[in-house]
Amino acid sequence: MSKLPSLRNLEAFIQVANASSIRSAAETLNVTPSAVSRRIQSLEEEVGEQLFDRASHALTLTDTGQRYLNQLLPVFTALRTAAILRPSDGADPVRVAAYPPYCADWLADLFHTPRFMEQNIRAELVAMEASTSLLADVFIYSAPRGMEADDVVKLFDLRFLPICRPELISGGHLRTPADLHAMTLIGITHGRGSWSQWFALAGLELDPATYIVWVDSLTALMAEAVKGTGVGLGEATIVRPLAERGLLTAPWEMAYLFPRSIYMRTARAVDAGSPVDRFIGWLTAEVS
């Protein structure tokens, strides 16, 4: 490969891989399905490998395609979170540091909504490994419940509930929680008891024979749910931007309350009416 692949082709590849559908990817990208097909074919020519298996009715990744996707996702996450800027009055951008990574992904999705664009705020989003590791204006982070303080605001409690592609509901596959026993479930490796706790909340026991795909993060869980791998146990607020785009839905509102919350604090005193103050007001209203 003599040059870097087209960014437009890479974006089409990721969208098709996530949705397992050229038509769904076309709707997300706001182009025609034939345009998406051409971009995929162009990318395969650029990398010199077949990325999708077209032999079956369902569009699936080849082994090479899956490895390529795994390499691309961190790069695209970095691109989305490195700098999200909006026009403003020339003031310095509001630097927002977020941890864990799913917080950064959630904020990146929110920053692309018309609601944020209307705020006329310049924002720079930085994913971080710990809430104190960067000098930023605003920190968004996870901590045990009950950690509110004068300089710490709780944005929301972490509430986990089943999430899936809308087609699973419209197709009649999920009518009651008991139907989950016939589905592939998606869970996070460091929260292996969460599905059992949700089933208990629903008045059921998790069938030991139920097949569960384990992933290493909430971001990976949502990506698998968007692909249609199965039903994931996702966080209600974090998944909302994807639900608004029609990519995921929650069959039931019943949610398992996790013993942690998402908090926001500032690095210093905030002047009334400043960009930081307006950002805090917007995000607080967004999650209320």
Protein backbone atom coordinates (compact mmCIF):
# COMPACT_ATOMS: atom_id res chain seq x y z
CA MET A 1 0.00 0.00 0.00
CA SER A 2 1.75 3.14 -1.23
CA LYS A 3 -0.50 5.75 0.40
CA LEU A 4 -2.94 6.11 3.25
CA PRO A 5 -6.51 4.95 2.51
CA SER A 6 -9.18 7.58 2.00
CA LEU A 7 -10.70 8.77 5.28
CA ARG A 8 -14.12 8.68 3.62
CA ASN A 9 -13.61 5.03 2.67
CA LEU A 10 -12.46 4.16 6.18
CA GLU A 11 -15.53 5.82 7.68
CA ALA A 12 -17.79 3.82 5.35
CA PHE A 13 -15.97 0.61 6.32
CA ILE A 14 -16.48 1.24 10.05
CA GLN A 15 -20.16 2.11 9.60
CA VAL A 16 -20.85 -1.01 7.52
CA ALA A 17 -18.90 -3.20 9.97
CA ASN A 18 -20.87 -1.81 12.92
CA ALA A 19 -24.27 -2.13 11.27
CA SER A 20 -23.59 -5.27 9.15
CA SER A 21 -25.66 -3.46 6.54
CA ILE A 22 -24.78 -1.20 3.62
CA ARG A 23 -28.24 0.37 3.72
CA SER A 24 -27.99 1.27 7.43
CA ALA A 25 -24.49 2.66 6.90
CA ALA A 26 -25.76 4.76 3.98
CA GLU A 27 -28.50 6.25 6.16
CA THR A 28 -25.97 7.15 8.85
CA LEU A 29 -23.58 8.70 6.32
CA ASN A 30 -26.42 10.39 4.41
CA VAL A 31 -25.35 8.91 1.07
CA THR A 32 -26.77 6.25 -1.25
CA PRO A 33 -26.13 2.53 -0.68
CA SER A 34 -24.32 2.35 -4.04
CA ALA A 35 -21.95 5.10 -2.87
CA VAL A 36 -21.15 3.08 0.26
CA SER A 37 -20.54 -0.04 -1.85
CA ARG A 38 -18.14 1.88 -4.07
CA ARG A 39 -16.24 3.19 -1.04
CA ILE A 40 -15.89 -0.32 0.39
CA GLN A 41 -14.65 -1.67 -2.94
CA SER A 42 -12.23 1.23 -3.24
CA LEU A 43 -10.89 0.57 0.27
CA GLU A 44 -10.38 -3.12 -0.47
CA GLU A 45 -8.40 -2.12 -3.54
CA GLU A 46 -6.36 0.34 -1.47
CA VAL A 47 -5.44 -2.20 1.22
CA GLY A 48 -5.21 -5.14 -1.18
CA GLU A 49 -7.42 -7.39 0.95
CA GLN A 50 -11.04 -8.56 1.00
CA LEU A 51 -12.64 -7.09 4.12
CA PHE A 52 -16.17 -8.49 3.89
CA ASP A 53 -17.51 -11.96 3.17
CA ARG A 54 -20.19 -11.53 0.52
CA ALA A 55 -20.91 -15.24 0.02
CA SER A 56 -23.74 -15.34 2.55
CA HIS A 57 -26.88 -13.21 2.74
CA ALA A 58 -25.59 -11.38 5.82
CA LEU A 59 -22.65 -9.03 5.33
CA THR A 60 -19.89 -10.20 7.68
CA LEU A 61 -16.25 -9.29 8.18
CA THR A 62 -13.50 -11.60 7.01
CA ASP A 63 -10.76 -12.39 9.54
CA THR A 64 -8.63 -9.73 7.86
CA GLY A 65 -11.53 -7.28 8.02
CA GLN A 66 -12.02 -7.90 11.74
CA ARG A 67 -8.33 -7.34 12.47
CA TYR A 68 -8.40 -4.17 10.38
CA LEU A 69 -11.49 -2.91 12.26
CA ASN A 70 -9.83 -3.58 15.63
CA GLN A 71 -6.84 -1.50 14.53
CA LEU A 72 -8.97 1.36 13.19
CA LEU A 73 -11.40 1.86 16.08
CA PRO A 74 -8.87 3.36 18.54
CA VAL A 75 -7.63 5.69 15.79
CA PHE A 76 -11.13 6.95 15.01
CA THR A 77 -11.92 7.37 18.70
CA ALA A 78 -8.80 9.53 19.00
CA LEU A 79 -9.82 11.57 15.96
CA ARG A 80 -13.30 12.16 17.35
CA THR A 81 -12.12 13.14 20.83
CA ALA A 82 -8.91 15.04 20.04
CA ALA A 83 -10.57 18.36 19.23
CA ILE A 84 -14.24 19.13 18.76
CA LEU A 85 -14.49 22.82 17.99
CA ARG A 86 -17.47 25.06 17.39
CA PRO A 87 -17.51 28.73 16.35
CA SER A 88 -17.55 31.17 19.23
CA ASP A 89 -16.56 34.69 20.18
CA GLY A 90 -12.84 33.85 20.03
CA ALA A 91 -12.54 32.71 23.65
CA ASP A 92 -10.24 29.83 24.53
CA PRO A 93 -11.87 26.41 24.15
CA VAL A 94 -13.33 24.66 27.15
CA ARG A 95 -11.05 21.68 27.81
CA VAL A 96 -13.06 18.68 28.97
CA ALA A 97 -11.28 15.61 30.31
CA ALA A 98 -13.28 12.38 30.59
CA TYR A 99 -12.74 8.98 32.17
CA PRO A 100 -13.46 6.08 31.65
CA PRO A 101 -13.19 6.04 27.84
CA TYR A 102 -16.94 5.44 27.42
CA CYS A 103 -17.51 8.89 28.96
CA ALA A 104 -15.39 10.42 26.20
CA ASP A 105 -17.32 8.47 23.56
CA TRP A 106 -20.63 9.62 25.05
CA LEU A 107 -19.53 13.26 25.12
CA ALA A 108 -18.20 13.02 21.55
CA ASP A 109 -21.64 11.84 20.44
CA LEU A 110 -23.32 14.69 22.34
CA PHE A 111 -20.95 17.26 20.85
CA HIS A 112 -22.15 16.32 17.37
CA THR A 113 -25.82 16.97 18.17
CA PRO A 114 -27.64 20.15 17.09
CA ARG A 115 -28.34 20.86 20.78
CA PHE A 116 -24.64 21.37 21.46
CA MET A 117 -23.96 23.25 18.24
CA GLU A 118 -26.61 25.78 19.25
CA GLN A 119 -24.58 26.64 22.37
CA ASN A 120 -21.85 28.39 20.34
CA ILE A 121 -19.15 26.94 22.60
CA ARG A 122 -15.68 25.83 21.53
CA ALA A 123 -14.84 22.58 23.31
CA GLU A 124 -11.76 20.38 23.31
CA LEU A 125 -12.42 16.84 24.50
CA VAL A 126 -9.57 14.74 25.86
CA ALA A 127 -9.83 11.09 26.88
CA MET A 128 -7.73 10.43 29.96
CA GLU A 129 -6.57 7.54 32.11
CA ALA A 130 -7.40 9.17 35.45
CA SER A 131 -9.50 12.16 36.45
CA THR A 132 -6.49 14.07 37.82
CA SER A 133 -3.99 13.34 35.07
CA LEU A 134 -4.60 16.40 32.90
CA LEU A 135 -4.93 20.11 33.37
CA ALA A 136 -8.44 20.77 32.11
CA ASP A 137 -11.32 23.11 32.81
CA VAL A 138 -13.88 20.38 33.45
CA PHE A 139 -13.46 16.77 34.55
CA ILE A 140 -16.10 14.08 33.90
CA TYR A 141 -15.43 10.84 35.74
CA SER A 142 -16.88 7.76 37.46
CA ALA A 143 -16.80 7.32 41.23
CA PRO A 144 -18.83 5.51 43.94
CA ARG A 145 -22.29 6.89 44.64
CA GLY A 146 -22.61 9.55 47.32
CA MET A 147 -19.44 11.51 46.45
CA GLU A 148 -21.15 14.88 45.88
CA ALA A 149 -19.39 17.93 47.35
CA ASP A 150 -19.35 21.72 46.98
CA ASP A 151 -17.10 21.46 43.92
CA VAL A 152 -18.43 18.11 42.65
CA VAL A 153 -21.75 17.71 40.85
CA LYS A 154 -23.36 14.34 40.22
CA LEU A 155 -24.48 14.18 36.60
CA PHE A 156 -26.27 10.83 36.78
CA ASP A 157 -26.29 7.43 38.43
CA LEU A 158 -25.14 4.51 36.29
CA ARG A 159 -28.25 2.50 35.40
CA PHE A 160 -27.90 -0.62 33.26
CA LEU A 161 -30.68 -2.07 31.12
CA PRO A 162 -30.93 -4.30 28.04
CA ILE A 163 -30.19 -2.59 24.71
CA CYS A 164 -30.42 -3.96 21.19
CA ARG A 165 -31.08 -3.19 17.54
CA PRO A 166 -34.68 -1.96 17.01
CA GLU A 167 -35.25 -4.82 14.56
CA LEU A 168 -35.22 -7.36 17.41
CA ILE A 169 -38.30 -5.70 18.87
CA SER A 170 -40.14 -4.96 15.64
CA GLY A 171 -39.51 -8.54 14.53
CA GLY A 172 -41.23 -9.89 17.63
CA HIS A 173 -38.13 -11.54 19.09
CA LEU A 174 -38.28 -9.66 22.39
CA ARG A 175 -41.69 -9.43 24.01
CA THR A 176 -40.88 -10.27 27.64
CA PRO A 177 -37.63 -10.48 29.65
CA ALA A 178 -37.91 -14.29 29.52
CA ASP A 179 -37.29 -14.08 25.76
CA LEU A 180 -33.70 -13.06 26.57
CA HIS A 181 -32.88 -16.68 27.38
CA ALA A 182 -33.15 -17.47 23.67
CA MET A 183 -30.92 -14.54 22.66
CA THR A 184 -27.17 -14.00 22.59
CA LEU A 185 -26.36 -11.65 25.47
CA ILE A 186 -23.40 -9.26 25.63
CA GLY A 187 -21.65 -8.47 28.89
CA ILE A 188 -18.51 -6.79 30.22
CA THR A 189 -15.83 -9.05 31.65
CA HIS A 190 -15.30 -7.02 34.83
CA GLY A 191 -19.07 -6.97 35.52
CA ARG A 192 -19.93 -10.64 35.08
CA GLY A 193 -22.63 -10.53 37.75
CA SER A 194 -24.57 -7.66 36.17
CA TRP A 195 -26.79 -9.78 33.93
CA SER A 196 -27.71 -12.03 36.87
CA GLN A 197 -28.64 -8.96 38.92
CA TRP A 198 -30.79 -7.56 36.13
CA PHE A 199 -32.61 -10.89 35.73
CA ALA A 200 -33.23 -10.95 39.49
CA LEU A 201 -34.68 -7.44 39.21
CA ALA A 202 -37.03 -8.79 36.52
CA GLY A 203 -38.09 -11.63 38.81
CA LEU A 204 -36.20 -14.25 36.81
CA GLU A 205 -33.05 -16.33 37.10
CA LEU A 206 -30.36 -16.22 34.44
CA ASP A 207 -30.40 -19.58 32.65
CA PRO A 208 -26.84 -21.01 32.90
CA ALA A 209 -27.23 -22.21 29.30
CA THR A 210 -27.76 -18.67 27.99
CA TYR A 211 -24.90 -17.76 25.66
CA ILE A 212 -23.04 -14.59 26.67
CA VAL A 213 -20.41 -12.80 24.60
CA TRP A 214 -17.94 -11.09 26.94
CA VAL A 215 -16.20 -7.85 25.89
CA ASP A 216 -13.73 -5.66 27.75
CA SER A 217 -15.53 -2.31 27.83
CA LEU A 218 -18.88 -0.54 27.61
CA THR A 219 -17.75 1.02 24.31
CA ALA A 220 -17.12 -2.45 22.84
CA LEU A 221 -20.47 -3.68 24.21
CA MET A 222 -22.40 -0.91 22.47
CA ALA A 223 -20.50 -1.53 19.22
CA GLU A 224 -21.47 -5.22 19.34
CA ALA A 225 -25.10 -4.33 20.06
CA VAL A 226 -25.16 -1.93 17.09
CA LYS A 227 -23.75 -4.71 14.89
CA GLY A 228 -26.64 -6.93 15.94
CA THR A 229 -24.49 -9.49 17.79
CA GLY A 230 -27.11 -9.72 20.51
CA VAL A 231 -28.61 -7.87 23.47
CA GLY A 232 -26.19 -5.91 25.62
CA LEU A 233 -26.55 -4.59 29.15
CA GLY A 234 -25.88 -0.91 28.45
CA GLU A 235 -26.00 2.27 30.49
CA ALA A 236 -29.24 4.25 30.01
CA THR A 237 -27.75 7.76 29.65
CA ILE A 238 -24.60 6.75 27.77
CA VAL A 239 -26.63 4.91 25.12
CA ARG A 240 -29.10 7.79 24.57
CA PRO A 241 -27.26 9.43 21.61
CA LEU A 242 -27.21 6.09 19.77
CA ALA A 243 -30.90 5.58 20.55
CA GLU A 244 -31.72 9.03 19.16
CA ARG A 245 -30.04 8.01 15.90
CA GLY A 246 -32.15 4.86 15.72
CA LEU A 247 -29.18 2.51 16.14
CA LEU A 248 -30.16 1.05 19.51
CA THR A 249 -33.23 0.83 21.69
CA ALA A 250 -34.19 -0.44 25.15
CA PRO A 251 -36.99 -3.04 25.17
CA TRP A 252 -37.80 -2.32 28.86
CA GLU A 253 -37.16 0.64 31.17
CA MET A 254 -36.32 -1.60 34.14
CA ALA A 255 -32.69 -0.83 35.04
CA TYR A 256 -30.11 -2.27 37.43
CA LEU A 257 -28.59 0.50 39.58
CA PHE A 258 -24.80 0.22 39.53
CA PRO A 259 -22.91 1.32 42.70
CA ARG A 260 -21.16 4.17 40.84
CA SER A 261 -22.19 7.52 39.37
CA ILE A 262 -20.83 9.97 36.82
CA TYR A 263 -19.60 13.23 38.31
CA MET A 264 -18.40 16.61 37.04
CA ARG A 265 -16.03 19.00 38.71
CA THR A 266 -14.09 22.07 37.65
CA ALA A 267 -10.40 22.74 38.09
CA ARG A 268 -10.94 26.27 39.40
CA ALA A 269 -13.56 28.89 40.23
CA VAL A 270 -15.87 29.57 37.27
CA ASP A 271 -16.97 33.06 36.25
CA ALA A 272 -20.68 33.49 35.62
CA GLY A 273 -21.46 33.62 31.91
CA SER A 274 -18.03 32.30 30.88
CA PRO A 275 -17.72 29.51 28.28
CA VAL A 276 -16.99 27.02 31.09
CA ASP A 277 -20.07 28.18 32.99
CA ARG A 278 -22.23 27.86 29.86
CA PHE A 279 -20.80 24.41 29.16
CA ILE A 280 -21.60 23.23 32.67
CA GLY A 281 -25.12 24.61 32.40
CA TRP A 282 -25.67 22.90 29.05
CA LEU A 283 -24.39 19.48 30.18
CA THR A 284 -26.33 19.61 33.46
CA ALA A 285 -29.53 20.34 31.54
CA GLU A 286 -28.70 17.67 28.94
CA VAL A 287 -28.63 14.85 31.51
CA SER A 288 -31.51 16.11 33.69
